[in-house]
Amino acid sequence: MKARFIFCTLLVLLLTGCSVLKGNVEAQSGFVFAMDTFVSWTIYHENDCSKQIEERIHELESILSTTDINSEIHRLNDRKSYVVSSDTRDLLSRSLKLCERTDGVLDISIYPIVKAWGFTTGSFHVPSEQSISQLVKNVNYRKIEYDADSGAVRLPEEMEIDLGSLGKGYVSEQLIQMLKAKGIKSALVNIGGNIQVLGGKINGEPWLVGLRNPFSDGCACSLKIKDKAVVTSGGYERYFEEGGVKYCHIINPNTGIPIEGDLASVTVVGEDAVACDGLSTSLFIMGLEEAEDFWRNSDDFEAIFITKGGQITITEGLQSTFSLSEAFFGTYVSVLSKNEK
């Protein structure tokens, strides 16, 4: 059996270094390993905020982790009834709304299935059809009892939840909000490839973010962004092989089986990092045609779809910010319009 993990699905390009100054503002950069990935940041401020950033990251990780026995999510899964804190309350409320919005394509109650495939422990194996069939019966976010005012949550006996499909987006959002409250106007946070930026670069130019090539090293394309989140989901990020078959970590909650669809990667761009995080996974599960229809009926995000055949489709709102990398020069890029069907 062979397992592979690719933590950085996005590459940040043309970042100015710590020696570049504008007035008294210097670029401060740092990184830490948390949430099973590398978290890095670049901010422009006269004071180094790295300590506060690290503290906030670890605080949120200690709350939202499914494997830390002292976390709120672990206690909820273990006890089936728990009163959660304001951070968990916020993310849980938004997670349930996204589950509803995607009609269960995103379902936070999928955790027992993720465990069965070994993606939480690293003990990868293919569960039996009987085991999967039984676990799927317990996946239904609608059965979660939740009082948003009190924070009281109750789960059915066989259910466990995992907010990981939205957690990185939530953490990046919280870090950006904290930096903004300090008066910082230029910052970038990268959580294992989930990118969120505050403003543009210090010179006023947009941040240039490269999207990883899902077929080999390097970038497929790049985007110029300000005040946006950019989140990519793909089957190449984390998977294992057994019997000559690749099984990716993105699982269809309706079947309990890792996705084998027509998409190699989906990138979602928007102002709401939590929504971008959850929607990138959801659209990947949907497949190209359904994902395109979903976008047409939405107004809060843009997207880039790369199929397993190497075809690239971008939504119309990205035309002025999108560029192909050298490796993809000559590739025809389809532009998806709201008016097309």
C-alpha atoms as a PDB file:
ATOM      1  CA  MET A   1       0.000   0.000   0.000  1.00  0.00           C
ATOM      2  CA  LYS A   2       1.235   3.466  -0.836  1.00  0.00           C
ATOM      3  CA  ALA A   3      -0.021   6.734   0.608  1.00  0.00           C
ATOM      4  CA  ARG A   4       0.683  10.221  -0.630  1.00  0.00           C
ATOM      5  CA  PHE A   5       0.039  13.623   0.877  1.00  0.00           C
ATOM      6  CA  ILE A   6       0.455  16.949  -0.896  1.00  0.00           C
ATOM      7  CA  PHE A   7      -0.052  19.747   1.589  1.00  0.00           C
ATOM      8  CA  CYS A   8       0.388  22.788  -0.647  1.00  0.00           C
ATOM      9  CA  THR A   9      -2.202  22.805  -3.390  1.00  0.00           C
ATOM     10  CA  LEU A  10      -1.604  26.471  -4.066  1.00  0.00           C
ATOM     11  CA  LEU A  11       1.619  28.362  -4.506  1.00  0.00           C
ATOM     12  CA  VAL A  12       1.983  32.018  -3.635  1.00  0.00           C
ATOM     13  CA  LEU A  13       3.984  33.850  -6.257  1.00  0.00           C
ATOM     14  CA  LEU A  14       5.953  37.076  -6.246  1.00  0.00           C
ATOM     15  CA  LEU A  15       5.896  37.636  -2.497  1.00  0.00           C
ATOM     16  CA  THR A  16       8.174  40.444  -1.393  1.00  0.00           C
ATOM     17  CA  GLY A  17      10.726  39.442   1.225  1.00  0.00           C
ATOM     18  CA  CYS A  18      11.382  40.659   4.731  1.00  0.00           C
ATOM     19  CA  SER A  19      13.997  43.126   3.542  1.00  0.00           C
ATOM     20  CA  VAL A  20      11.507  45.144   1.503  1.00  0.00           C
ATOM     21  CA  LEU A  21      10.307  48.238   3.311  1.00  0.00           C
ATOM     22  CA  LYS A  22       7.754  50.943   2.670  1.00  0.00           C
ATOM     23  CA  GLY A  23       8.129  53.631   5.265  1.00  0.00           C
ATOM     24  CA  ASN A  24       8.415  51.759   8.559  1.00  0.00           C
ATOM     25  CA  VAL A  25       6.383  48.777   7.402  1.00  0.00           C
ATOM     26  CA  GLU A  26       8.295  45.533   6.977  1.00  0.00           C
ATOM     27  CA  ALA A  27       7.091  42.175   5.701  1.00  0.00           C
ATOM     28  CA  GLN A  28       6.806  39.726   8.595  1.00  0.00           C
ATOM     29  CA  SER A  29       6.652  36.047   7.702  1.00  0.00           C
ATOM     30  CA  GLY A  30       6.292  32.888   9.722  1.00  0.00           C
ATOM     31  CA  PHE A  31       4.967  29.359   9.723  1.00  0.00           C
ATOM     32  CA  VAL A  32       3.886  26.596  12.050  1.00  0.00           C
ATOM     33  CA  PHE A  33       2.737  23.000  11.657  1.00  0.00           C
ATOM     34  CA  ALA A  34      -0.874  22.679  12.775  1.00  0.00           C
ATOM     35  CA  MET A  35      -4.071  20.947  11.676  1.00  0.00           C
ATOM     36  CA  ASP A  36      -1.951  18.256   9.997  1.00  0.00           C
ATOM     37  CA  THR A  37      -0.441  20.760   7.570  1.00  0.00           C
ATOM     38  CA  PHE A  38       1.822  23.783   7.321  1.00  0.00           C
ATOM     39  CA  VAL A  39       0.349  27.178   8.124  1.00  0.00           C
ATOM     40  CA  SER A  40       2.285  30.201   6.878  1.00  0.00           C
ATOM     41  CA  TRP A  41       1.683  33.931   6.793  1.00  0.00           C
ATOM     42  CA  THR A  42       3.127  37.129   5.377  1.00  0.00           C
ATOM     43  CA  ILE A  43       1.976  40.432   6.830  1.00  0.00           C
ATOM     44  CA  TYR A  44       3.039  44.054   6.472  1.00  0.00           C
ATOM     45  CA  HIS A  45       3.126  45.787   9.833  1.00  0.00           C
ATOM     46  CA  GLU A  46       5.586  47.616  12.048  1.00  0.00           C
ATOM     47  CA  ASN A  47       5.150  44.975  14.762  1.00  0.00           C
ATOM     48  CA  ASP A  48       5.595  41.213  14.486  1.00  0.00           C
ATOM     49  CA  CYS A  49       2.254  39.486  15.155  1.00  0.00           C
ATOM     50  CA  SER A  50       3.590  35.934  14.843  1.00  0.00           C
ATOM     51  CA  LYS A  51       3.040  35.041  18.499  1.00  0.00           C
ATOM     52  CA  GLN A  52      -0.620  36.085  18.435  1.00  0.00           C
ATOM     53  CA  ILE A  53      -1.121  34.262  15.131  1.00  0.00           C
ATOM     54  CA  GLU A  54       0.355  31.029  16.480  1.00  0.00           C
ATOM     55  CA  GLU A  55      -1.692  31.264  19.664  1.00  0.00           C
ATOM     56  CA  ARG A  56      -4.927  31.728  17.721  1.00  0.00           C
ATOM     57  CA  ILE A  57      -4.121  28.837  15.384  1.00  0.00           C
ATOM     58  CA  HIS A  58      -3.459  26.455  18.248  1.00  0.00           C
ATOM     59  CA  GLU A  59      -6.515  27.687  20.142  1.00  0.00           C
ATOM     60  CA  LEU A  60      -8.787  26.885  17.203  1.00  0.00           C
ATOM     61  CA  GLU A  61      -7.057  23.576  16.514  1.00  0.00           C
ATOM     62  CA  SER A  62      -7.576  22.524  20.132  1.00  0.00           C
ATOM     63  CA  ILE A  63     -11.299  23.241  19.775  1.00  0.00           C
ATOM     64  CA  LEU A  64     -12.017  21.783  16.331  1.00  0.00           C
ATOM     65  CA  SER A  65      -9.750  18.722  16.181  1.00  0.00           C
ATOM     66  CA  THR A  66     -11.465  15.340  15.805  1.00  0.00           C
ATOM     67  CA  THR A  67      -8.493  13.421  17.219  1.00  0.00           C
ATOM     68  CA  ASP A  68      -7.519  15.528  20.255  1.00  0.00           C
ATOM     69  CA  ILE A  69      -9.401  13.916  23.137  1.00  0.00           C
ATOM     70  CA  ASN A  70      -9.691  17.301  24.870  1.00  0.00           C
ATOM     71  CA  SER A  71     -11.218  19.148  21.905  1.00  0.00           C
ATOM     72  CA  GLU A  72     -14.859  20.191  21.822  1.00  0.00           C
ATOM     73  CA  ILE A  73     -15.549  18.172  18.685  1.00  0.00           C
ATOM     74  CA  HIS A  74     -14.028  15.026  20.180  1.00  0.00           C
ATOM     75  CA  ARG A  75     -16.028  15.475  23.378  1.00  0.00           C
ATOM     76  CA  LEU A  76     -19.210  15.999  21.390  1.00  0.00           C
ATOM     77  CA  ASN A  77     -18.564  12.876  19.317  1.00  0.00           C
ATOM     78  CA  ASP A  78     -17.795  10.885  22.450  1.00  0.00           C
ATOM     79  CA  ARG A  79     -20.605  12.125  24.696  1.00  0.00           C
ATOM     80  CA  LYS A  80     -23.229  12.790  21.974  1.00  0.00           C
ATOM     81  CA  SER A  81     -24.362  15.862  23.901  1.00  0.00           C
ATOM     82  CA  TYR A  82     -22.241  18.925  24.555  1.00  0.00           C
ATOM     83  CA  VAL A  83     -22.454  22.714  24.868  1.00  0.00           C
ATOM     84  CA  VAL A  84     -19.908  24.219  22.499  1.00  0.00           C
ATOM     85  CA  SER A  85     -18.043  27.526  22.604  1.00  0.00           C
ATOM     86  CA  SER A  86     -18.650  30.559  20.406  1.00  0.00           C
ATOM     87  CA  ASP A  87     -16.081  29.522  17.773  1.00  0.00           C
ATOM     88  CA  THR A  88     -17.524  26.038  17.377  1.00  0.00           C
ATOM     89  CA  ARG A  89     -21.018  27.500  17.465  1.00  0.00           C
ATOM     90  CA  ASP A  90     -20.176  29.880  14.630  1.00  0.00           C
ATOM     91  CA  LEU A  91     -18.556  27.239  12.444  1.00  0.00           C
ATOM     92  CA  LEU A  92     -21.214  24.620  13.167  1.00  0.00           C
ATOM     93  CA  SER A  93     -24.013  27.026  12.212  1.00  0.00           C
ATOM     94  CA  ARG A  94     -22.324  27.898   8.945  1.00  0.00           C
ATOM     95  CA  SER A  95     -21.459  24.259   8.256  1.00  0.00           C
ATOM     96  CA  LEU A  96     -25.068  23.174   8.610  1.00  0.00           C
ATOM     97  CA  LYS A  97     -26.174  25.950   6.257  1.00  0.00           C
ATOM     98  CA  LEU A  98     -23.691  24.719   3.650  1.00  0.00           C
ATOM     99  CA  CYS A  99     -24.882  21.146   4.124  1.00  0.00           C
ATOM    100  CA  GLU A 100     -28.397  22.387   3.406  1.00  0.00           C
ATOM    101  CA  ARG A 101     -27.287  24.559   0.501  1.00  0.00           C
ATOM    102  CA  THR A 102     -25.561  21.604  -1.196  1.00  0.00           C
ATOM    103  CA  ASP A 103     -28.445  19.243  -0.369  1.00  0.00           C
ATOM    104  CA  GLY A 104     -26.161  16.962   1.605  1.00  0.00           C
ATOM    105  CA  VAL A 105     -23.323  16.730  -0.911  1.00  0.00           C
ATOM    106  CA  LEU A 106     -21.404  18.286   1.946  1.00  0.00           C
ATOM    107  CA  ASP A 107     -22.293  16.431   5.143  1.00  0.00           C
ATOM    108  CA  ILE A 108     -20.358  16.997   8.353  1.00  0.00           C
ATOM    109  CA  SER A 109     -21.665  13.727   9.827  1.00  0.00           C
ATOM    110  CA  ILE A 110     -19.443  11.691   7.471  1.00  0.00           C
ATOM    111  CA  TYR A 111     -16.643  11.269  10.030  1.00  0.00           C
ATOM    112  CA  PRO A 112     -17.169   7.529  10.801  1.00  0.00           C
ATOM    113  CA  ILE A 113     -16.760   6.773   7.091  1.00  0.00           C
ATOM    114  CA  VAL A 114     -13.582   8.853   6.868  1.00  0.00           C
ATOM    115  CA  LYS A 115     -12.225   6.897   9.838  1.00  0.00           C
ATOM    116  CA  ALA A 116     -13.186   3.579   8.261  1.00  0.00           C
ATOM    117  CA  TRP A 117     -10.989   4.354   5.253  1.00  0.00           C
ATOM    118  CA  GLY A 118      -8.114   5.286   7.573  1.00  0.00           C
ATOM    119  CA  PHE A 119      -7.733   8.913   6.561  1.00  0.00           C
ATOM    120  CA  THR A 120      -7.702  10.124  10.169  1.00  0.00           C
ATOM    121  CA  THR A 121      -5.167   7.611  11.485  1.00  0.00           C
ATOM    122  CA  GLY A 122      -3.026   6.812   8.462  1.00  0.00           C
ATOM    123  CA  SER A 123      -3.990   3.132   8.736  1.00  0.00           C
ATOM    124  CA  PHE A 124      -5.400   3.024   5.223  1.00  0.00           C
ATOM    125  CA  HIS A 125      -7.531   0.159   3.990  1.00  0.00           C
ATOM    126  CA  VAL A 126     -10.606  -0.468   1.867  1.00  0.00           C
ATOM    127  CA  PRO A 127     -13.613  -1.220   4.119  1.00  0.00           C
ATOM    128  CA  SER A 128     -15.990  -4.015   3.216  1.00  0.00           C
ATOM    129  CA  GLU A 129     -19.133  -3.175   1.254  1.00  0.00           C
ATOM    130  CA  GLN A 130     -21.196  -4.302   4.233  1.00  0.00           C
ATOM    131  CA  SER A 131     -19.308  -1.964   6.564  1.00  0.00           C
ATOM    132  CA  ILE A 132     -19.702   0.999   4.216  1.00  0.00           C
ATOM    133  CA  SER A 133     -23.395   0.276   3.704  1.00  0.00           C
ATOM    134  CA  GLN A 134     -23.975   0.287   7.455  1.00  0.00           C
ATOM    135  CA  LEU A 135     -21.991   3.483   8.039  1.00  0.00           C
ATOM    136  CA  VAL A 136     -23.770   5.396   5.270  1.00  0.00           C
ATOM    137  CA  LYS A 137     -27.077   4.829   7.061  1.00  0.00           C
ATOM    138  CA  ASN A 138     -25.846   7.024   9.913  1.00  0.00           C
ATOM    139  CA  VAL A 139     -24.789   9.959   7.708  1.00  0.00           C
ATOM    140  CA  ASN A 140     -27.460  12.647   7.847  1.00  0.00           C
ATOM    141  CA  TYR A 141     -26.680  16.162   9.041  1.00  0.00           C
ATOM    142  CA  ARG A 142     -30.425  16.822   9.416  1.00  0.00           C
ATOM    143  CA  LYS A 143     -30.466  14.586  12.498  1.00  0.00           C
ATOM    144  CA  ILE A 144     -28.084  16.876  14.377  1.00  0.00           C
ATOM    145  CA  GLU A 145     -29.985  18.709  17.118  1.00  0.00           C
ATOM    146  CA  TYR A 146     -28.518  22.154  17.574  1.00  0.00           C
ATOM    147  CA  ASP A 147     -29.558  25.219  19.555  1.00  0.00           C
ATOM    148  CA  ALA A 148     -27.622  28.156  18.130  1.00  0.00           C
ATOM    149  CA  ASP A 149     -28.495  30.406  21.082  1.00  0.00           C
ATOM    150  CA  SER A 150     -27.218  28.134  23.844  1.00  0.00           C
ATOM    151  CA  GLY A 151     -24.641  26.187  21.831  1.00  0.00           C
ATOM    152  CA  ALA A 152     -26.164  22.879  22.927  1.00  0.00           C
ATOM    153  CA  VAL A 153     -25.589  20.076  20.411  1.00  0.00           C
ATOM    154  CA  ARG A 154     -26.961  16.547  20.464  1.00  0.00           C
ATOM    155  CA  LEU A 155     -25.994  13.730  18.089  1.00  0.00           C
ATOM    156  CA  PRO A 156     -27.679  10.386  17.393  1.00  0.00           C
ATOM    157  CA  GLU A 157     -25.900   7.467  19.070  1.00  0.00           C
ATOM    158  CA  GLU A 158     -24.011   6.251  15.975  1.00  0.00           C
ATOM    159  CA  MET A 159     -23.137   9.693  14.590  1.00  0.00           C
ATOM    160  CA  GLU A 160     -19.871  11.620  14.732  1.00  0.00           C
ATOM    161  CA  ILE A 161     -19.123  14.930  13.044  1.00  0.00           C
ATOM    162  CA  ASP A 162     -16.051  16.447  11.444  1.00  0.00           C
ATOM    163  CA  LEU A 163     -15.788  20.146  10.585  1.00  0.00           C
ATOM    164  CA  GLY A 164     -12.500  19.622   8.752  1.00  0.00           C
ATOM    165  CA  SER A 165     -13.990  20.313   5.334  1.00  0.00           C
ATOM    166  CA  LEU A 166     -14.553  23.904   6.474  1.00  0.00           C
ATOM    167  CA  GLY A 167     -12.053  24.220   9.317  1.00  0.00           C
ATOM    168  CA  LYS A 168      -9.093  25.623   7.404  1.00  0.00           C
ATOM    169  CA  GLY A 169     -11.313  28.268   5.881  1.00  0.00           C
ATOM    170  CA  TYR A 170     -12.578  29.209   9.325  1.00  0.00           C
ATOM    171  CA  VAL A 171      -9.076  29.467  10.786  1.00  0.00           C
ATOM    172  CA  SER A 172      -7.795  31.634   7.919  1.00  0.00           C
ATOM    173  CA  GLU A 173     -10.855  33.858   8.261  1.00  0.00           C
ATOM    174  CA  GLN A 174     -10.271  34.269  11.999  1.00  0.00           C
ATOM    175  CA  LEU A 175      -6.611  35.148  11.462  1.00  0.00           C
ATOM    176  CA  ILE A 176      -7.458  37.731   8.803  1.00  0.00           C
ATOM    177  CA  GLN A 177     -10.104  39.264  11.076  1.00  0.00           C
ATOM    178  CA  MET A 178      -7.603  39.456  13.941  1.00  0.00           C
ATOM    179  CA  LEU A 179      -4.994  41.141  11.735  1.00  0.00           C
ATOM    180  CA  LYS A 180      -7.556  43.559  10.335  1.00  0.00           C
ATOM    181  CA  ALA A 181      -8.557  44.541  13.880  1.00  0.00           C
ATOM    182  CA  LYS A 182      -4.911  45.461  14.518  1.00  0.00           C
ATOM    183  CA  GLY A 183      -5.020  47.915  11.648  1.00  0.00           C
ATOM    184  CA  ILE A 184      -3.091  45.697   9.249  1.00  0.00           C
ATOM    185  CA  LYS A 185      -4.081  46.287   5.629  1.00  0.00           C
ATOM    186  CA  SER A 186      -1.858  43.829   3.763  1.00  0.00           C
ATOM    187  CA  ALA A 187      -1.550  40.159   4.714  1.00  0.00           C
ATOM    188  CA  LEU A 188      -1.650  36.649   3.323  1.00  0.00           C
ATOM    189  CA  VAL A 189      -2.442  33.418   5.170  1.00  0.00           C
ATOM    190  CA  ASN A 190      -1.757  30.002   3.654  1.00  0.00           C
ATOM    191  CA  ILE A 191      -3.171  26.940   5.437  1.00  0.00           C
ATOM    192  CA  GLY A 192      -2.042  23.880   3.528  1.00  0.00           C
ATOM    193  CA  GLY A 193      -2.949  25.532   0.236  1.00  0.00           C
ATOM    194  CA  ASN A 194      -6.039  27.370   1.473  1.00  0.00           C
ATOM    195  CA  ILE A 195      -5.167  30.981   0.706  1.00  0.00           C
ATOM    196  CA  GLN A 196      -6.802  34.086   2.126  1.00  0.00           C
ATOM    197  CA  VAL A 197      -5.520  37.611   1.606  1.00  0.00           C
ATOM    198  CA  LEU A 198      -6.204  40.936   3.276  1.00  0.00           C
ATOM    199  CA  GLY A 199      -6.022  43.777   0.790  1.00  0.00           C
ATOM    200  CA  GLY A 200      -3.287  43.646  -1.824  1.00  0.00           C
ATOM    201  CA  LYS A 201       0.486  43.654  -1.546  1.00  0.00           C
ATOM    202  CA  ILE A 202       2.175  46.586   0.138  1.00  0.00           C
ATOM    203  CA  ASN A 203       2.780  48.297  -3.226  1.00  0.00           C
ATOM    204  CA  GLY A 204      -0.942  48.237  -3.970  1.00  0.00           C
ATOM    205  CA  GLU A 205      -0.718  45.435  -6.511  1.00  0.00           C
ATOM    206  CA  PRO A 206      -2.897  42.317  -6.123  1.00  0.00           C
ATOM    207  CA  TRP A 207      -1.432  39.179  -4.640  1.00  0.00           C
ATOM    208  CA  LEU A 208      -0.487  36.691  -7.349  1.00  0.00           C
ATOM    209  CA  VAL A 209      -1.553  33.167  -6.402  1.00  0.00           C
ATOM    210  CA  GLY A 210      -0.638  30.103  -8.433  1.00  0.00           C
ATOM    211  CA  LEU A 211      -2.913  27.078  -8.583  1.00  0.00           C
ATOM    212  CA  ARG A 212      -1.094  23.786  -8.470  1.00  0.00           C
ATOM    213  CA  ASN A 213      -0.934  21.593 -11.545  1.00  0.00           C
ATOM    214  CA  PRO A 214      -3.006  18.515 -10.555  1.00  0.00           C
ATOM    215  CA  PHE A 215      -0.988  16.270 -12.880  1.00  0.00           C
ATOM    216  CA  SER A 216       2.620  17.194 -12.028  1.00  0.00           C
ATOM    217  CA  ASP A 217       4.752  19.678 -10.122  1.00  0.00           C
ATOM    218  CA  GLY A 218       4.378  23.391 -10.692  1.00  0.00           C
ATOM    219  CA  CYS A 219       1.409  25.608 -11.434  1.00  0.00           C
ATOM    220  CA  ALA A 220      -1.444  25.228 -13.878  1.00  0.00           C
ATOM    221  CA  CYS A 221      -2.492  28.869 -13.748  1.00  0.00           C
ATOM    222  CA  SER A 222      -2.494  31.953 -11.567  1.00  0.00           C
ATOM    223  CA  LEU A 223      -4.929  34.510 -10.189  1.00  0.00           C
ATOM    224  CA  LYS A 224      -4.527  38.120  -9.100  1.00  0.00           C
ATOM    225  CA  ILE A 225      -6.582  38.724  -5.968  1.00  0.00           C
ATOM    226  CA  LYS A 226      -7.360  41.235  -3.229  1.00  0.00           C
ATOM    227  CA  ASP A 227      -9.504  40.577  -0.131  1.00  0.00           C
ATOM    228  CA  LYS A 228     -10.372  37.076  -1.272  1.00  0.00           C
ATOM    229  CA  ALA A 229     -10.031  33.432  -0.294  1.00  0.00           C
ATOM    230  CA  VAL A 230      -8.815  30.861  -2.827  1.00  0.00           C
ATOM    231  CA  VAL A 231      -9.413  27.205  -1.961  1.00  0.00           C
ATOM    232  CA  THR A 232      -8.660  24.145  -4.088  1.00  0.00           C
ATOM    233  CA  SER A 233      -9.846  20.555  -3.666  1.00  0.00           C
ATOM    234  CA  GLY A 234      -8.430  17.680  -5.666  1.00  0.00           C
ATOM    235  CA  GLY A 235      -7.996  13.944  -5.569  1.00  0.00           C
ATOM    236  CA  TYR A 236      -4.222  14.306  -5.938  1.00  0.00           C
ATOM    237  CA  GLU A 237      -3.822  16.026  -2.567  1.00  0.00           C
ATOM    238  CA  ARG A 238      -4.177  13.030  -0.289  1.00  0.00           C
ATOM    239  CA  TYR A 239      -4.742   9.439  -1.296  1.00  0.00           C
ATOM    240  CA  PHE A 240      -3.597   5.854  -0.897  1.00  0.00           C
ATOM    241  CA  GLU A 241      -3.237   2.963  -3.300  1.00  0.00           C
ATOM    242  CA  GLU A 242      -4.403  -0.596  -2.746  1.00  0.00           C
ATOM    243  CA  GLY A 243      -4.609  -3.328  -5.343  1.00  0.00           C
ATOM    244  CA  GLY A 244      -3.508  -0.902  -8.030  1.00  0.00           C
ATOM    245  CA  VAL A 245      -6.421   1.448  -7.309  1.00  0.00           C
ATOM    246  CA  LYS A 246      -6.090   5.011  -6.000  1.00  0.00           C
ATOM    247  CA  TYR A 247      -8.506   6.104  -3.277  1.00  0.00           C
ATOM    248  CA  CYS A 248      -8.633   9.845  -2.574  1.00  0.00           C
ATOM    249  CA  HIS A 249      -9.614  11.429   0.730  1.00  0.00           C
ATOM    250  CA  ILE A 250     -12.706  13.148  -0.686  1.00  0.00           C
ATOM    251  CA  ILE A 251     -15.627  10.804  -0.063  1.00  0.00           C
ATOM    252  CA  ASN A 252     -19.192  10.945  -1.342  1.00  0.00           C
ATOM    253  CA  PRO A 253     -21.386  10.931   1.805  1.00  0.00           C
ATOM    254  CA  ASN A 254     -24.206   9.236  -0.098  1.00  0.00           C
ATOM    255  CA  THR A 255     -22.132   6.225  -1.134  1.00  0.00           C
ATOM    256  CA  GLY A 256     -19.289   6.148   1.382  1.00  0.00           C
ATOM    257  CA  ILE A 257     -16.848   5.739  -1.524  1.00  0.00           C
ATOM    258  CA  PRO A 258     -13.951   8.050  -2.489  1.00  0.00           C
ATOM    259  CA  ILE A 259     -14.739  10.151  -5.539  1.00  0.00           C
ATOM    260  CA  GLU A 260     -13.752   8.867  -8.978  1.00  0.00           C
ATOM    261  CA  GLY A 261     -15.386  11.621 -11.020  1.00  0.00           C
ATOM    262  CA  ASP A 262     -14.342  13.655 -14.034  1.00  0.00           C
ATOM    263  CA  LEU A 263     -12.604  16.468 -12.144  1.00  0.00           C
ATOM    264  CA  ALA A 264      -8.921  16.628 -11.232  1.00  0.00           C
ATOM    265  CA  SER A 265      -9.329  19.798  -9.171  1.00  0.00           C
ATOM    266  CA  VAL A 266     -11.805  22.510  -8.259  1.00  0.00           C
ATOM    267  CA  THR A 267     -10.811  25.973  -7.086  1.00  0.00           C
ATOM    268  CA  VAL A 268     -13.317  28.307  -5.457  1.00  0.00           C
ATOM    269  CA  VAL A 269     -12.689  32.048  -5.094  1.00  0.00           C
ATOM    270  CA  GLY A 270     -14.767  34.313  -2.876  1.00  0.00           C
ATOM    271  CA  GLU A 271     -14.911  36.601   0.134  1.00  0.00           C
ATOM    272  CA  ASP A 272     -16.230  33.946   2.548  1.00  0.00           C
ATOM    273  CA  ALA A 273     -13.350  31.546   3.272  1.00  0.00           C
ATOM    274  CA  VAL A 274     -15.598  29.053   5.071  1.00  0.00           C
ATOM    275  CA  ALA A 275     -17.959  28.853   2.112  1.00  0.00           C
ATOM    276  CA  CYS A 276     -15.025  28.548  -0.311  1.00  0.00           C
ATOM    277  CA  ASP A 277     -13.618  25.672   1.734  1.00  0.00           C
ATOM    278  CA  GLY A 278     -16.875  23.749   1.889  1.00  0.00           C
ATOM    279  CA  LEU A 279     -17.892  24.485  -1.695  1.00  0.00           C
ATOM    280  CA  SER A 280     -14.585  23.387  -3.216  1.00  0.00           C
ATOM    281  CA  THR A 281     -15.139  19.929  -1.724  1.00  0.00           C
ATOM    282  CA  SER A 282     -18.819  19.888  -2.663  1.00  0.00           C
ATOM    283  CA  LEU A 283     -18.238  20.871  -6.291  1.00  0.00           C
ATOM    284  CA  PHE A 284     -15.508  18.256  -6.622  1.00  0.00           C
ATOM    285  CA  ILE A 285     -17.966  15.603  -5.444  1.00  0.00           C
ATOM    286  CA  MET A 286     -20.693  16.869  -7.789  1.00  0.00           C
ATOM    287  CA  GLY A 287     -18.616  16.588 -10.946  1.00  0.00           C
ATOM    288  CA  LEU A 288     -18.295  19.162 -13.718  1.00  0.00           C
ATOM    289  CA  GLU A 289     -21.834  19.376 -15.099  1.00  0.00           C
ATOM    290  CA  GLU A 290     -23.614  19.557 -11.746  1.00  0.00           C
ATOM    291  CA  ALA A 291     -20.962  21.919 -10.364  1.00  0.00           C
ATOM    292  CA  GLU A 292     -21.454  24.286 -13.297  1.00  0.00           C
ATOM    293  CA  ASP A 293     -25.209  24.336 -12.693  1.00  0.00           C
ATOM    294  CA  PHE A 294     -24.625  24.986  -8.995  1.00  0.00           C
ATOM    295  CA  TRP A 295     -22.434  27.986  -9.832  1.00  0.00           C
ATOM    296  CA  ARG A 296     -25.043  29.378 -12.231  1.00  0.00           C
ATOM    297  CA  ASN A 297     -27.548  29.364  -9.380  1.00  0.00           C
ATOM    298  CA  SER A 298     -25.134  31.091  -6.971  1.00  0.00           C
ATOM    299  CA  ASP A 299     -23.843  34.640  -6.711  1.00  0.00           C
ATOM    300  CA  ASP A 300     -21.165  34.530  -4.028  1.00  0.00           C
ATOM    301  CA  PHE A 301     -18.186  32.759  -5.615  1.00  0.00           C
ATOM    302  CA  GLU A 302     -16.200  32.119  -8.790  1.00  0.00           C
ATOM    303  CA  ALA A 303     -14.568  28.825  -9.743  1.00  0.00           C
ATOM    304  CA  ILE A 304     -11.942  27.060 -11.829  1.00  0.00           C
ATOM    305  CA  PHE A 305     -12.500  23.471 -12.934  1.00  0.00           C
ATOM    306  CA  ILE A 306      -9.703  21.270 -14.289  1.00  0.00           C
ATOM    307  CA  THR A 307     -10.879  17.910 -15.629  1.00  0.00           C
ATOM    308  CA  LYS A 308      -8.887  14.692 -15.599  1.00  0.00           C
ATOM    309  CA  GLY A 309      -8.532  15.181 -19.343  1.00  0.00           C
ATOM    310  CA  GLY A 310      -6.756  18.502 -18.786  1.00  0.00           C
ATOM    311  CA  GLN A 311      -9.625  20.754 -19.868  1.00  0.00           C
ATOM    312  CA  ILE A 312      -9.911  24.046 -17.979  1.00  0.00           C
ATOM    313  CA  THR A 313     -13.129  25.942 -17.347  1.00  0.00           C
ATOM    314  CA  ILE A 314     -13.287  29.251 -15.493  1.00  0.00           C
ATOM    315  CA  THR A 315     -16.338  31.230 -14.464  1.00  0.00           C
ATOM    316  CA  GLU A 316     -16.844  34.598 -16.114  1.00  0.00           C
ATOM    317  CA  GLY A 317     -15.915  36.672 -13.075  1.00  0.00           C
ATOM    318  CA  LEU A 318     -12.293  35.482 -13.235  1.00  0.00           C
ATOM    319  CA  GLN A 319     -11.511  36.442 -16.834  1.00  0.00           C
ATOM    320  CA  SER A 320      -9.571  39.597 -15.962  1.00  0.00           C
ATOM    321  CA  THR A 321      -7.521  37.991 -13.164  1.00  0.00           C
ATOM    322  CA  PHE A 322      -6.722  34.561 -14.658  1.00  0.00           C
ATOM    323  CA  SER A 323      -3.532  33.522 -16.494  1.00  0.00           C
ATOM    324  CA  LEU A 324      -2.283  30.146 -17.701  1.00  0.00           C
ATOM    325  CA  SER A 325       1.139  28.916 -16.621  1.00  0.00           C
ATOM    326  CA  GLU A 326       3.811  28.075 -19.163  1.00  0.00           C
ATOM    327  CA  ALA A 327       3.060  24.358 -18.783  1.00  0.00           C
ATOM    328  CA  PHE A 328      -0.510  24.963 -19.961  1.00  0.00           C
ATOM    329  CA  PHE A 329       0.166  27.468 -22.756  1.00  0.00           C
ATOM    330  CA  GLY A 330      -1.982  26.558 -25.732  1.00  0.00           C
ATOM    331  CA  THR A 331      -4.679  24.958 -23.591  1.00  0.00           C
ATOM    332  CA  TYR A 332      -8.155  26.133 -24.536  1.00  0.00           C
ATOM    333  CA  VAL A 333      -9.915  27.732 -21.573  1.00  0.00           C
ATOM    334  CA  SER A 334     -13.710  27.635 -21.537  1.00  0.00           C
ATOM    335  CA  VAL A 335     -15.467  30.566 -19.884  1.00  0.00           C
ATOM    336  CA  LEU A 336     -18.672  29.679 -18.073  1.00  0.00           C
ATOM    337  CA  SER A 337     -21.433  32.270 -18.241  1.00  0.00           C
ATOM    338  CA  LYS A 338     -24.548  32.638 -16.126  1.00  0.00           C
ATOM    339  CA  ASN A 339     -26.596  32.831 -19.308  1.00  0.00           C
ATOM    340  CA  GLU A 340     -25.291  29.591 -20.814  1.00  0.00           C
ATOM    341  CA  LYS A 341     -26.802  26.171 -20.310  1.00  0.00           C
END
